[in-house]
Amino acid sequence: NNNNNNNIMPRGAAPAGIERSGGGGSDAKDAPPLPPEARALDEFEKKMATMLRQRFAGKDKMISDTYALQFIRGYRGDKNPERVILAKYEEMLKKRSEYNIDNVVTSRPEGWEEFNKSVMDGKRVLP
């Protein structure tokens, strides 16, 4: 998570001032075009990213910049995008907290060791 919102950049986007090239020494003009989701942030997106990070500081530390940007871009077409983005983002954070999502990756449920050993040994674990 990057809290410096001036540096939020979708995966695959080239940093400011750097042309994205297709590799192999080709010019940027020969590179395949970036997909729409990799475009640079516009002013609305920068404003909303800053607003989300400030309003939910400390509550969204596990949320990547890319995931936050999905909310911004996904709900910006609504009648009142600012209100909707903030509401949906807050709703997502509440659900993550309610279901303890941020700890799912780091915790091991009961029986995990046995299940993992079976999988690693190549044994069939499901009927």
Foldseek 3Di string as FASTA:
>chain_A
DDLPLVQQFDPPADPPPDQDCQDPPDDSVPHDDDPPLRDDDDPQLSVLLNVLCVVCPPLCPVPDSSNLSCLLVVQVPDPPSSVSSNVVVVVVSVVCVVVVVVCPVVDADPPRVVVVVCVVVVHDDDD
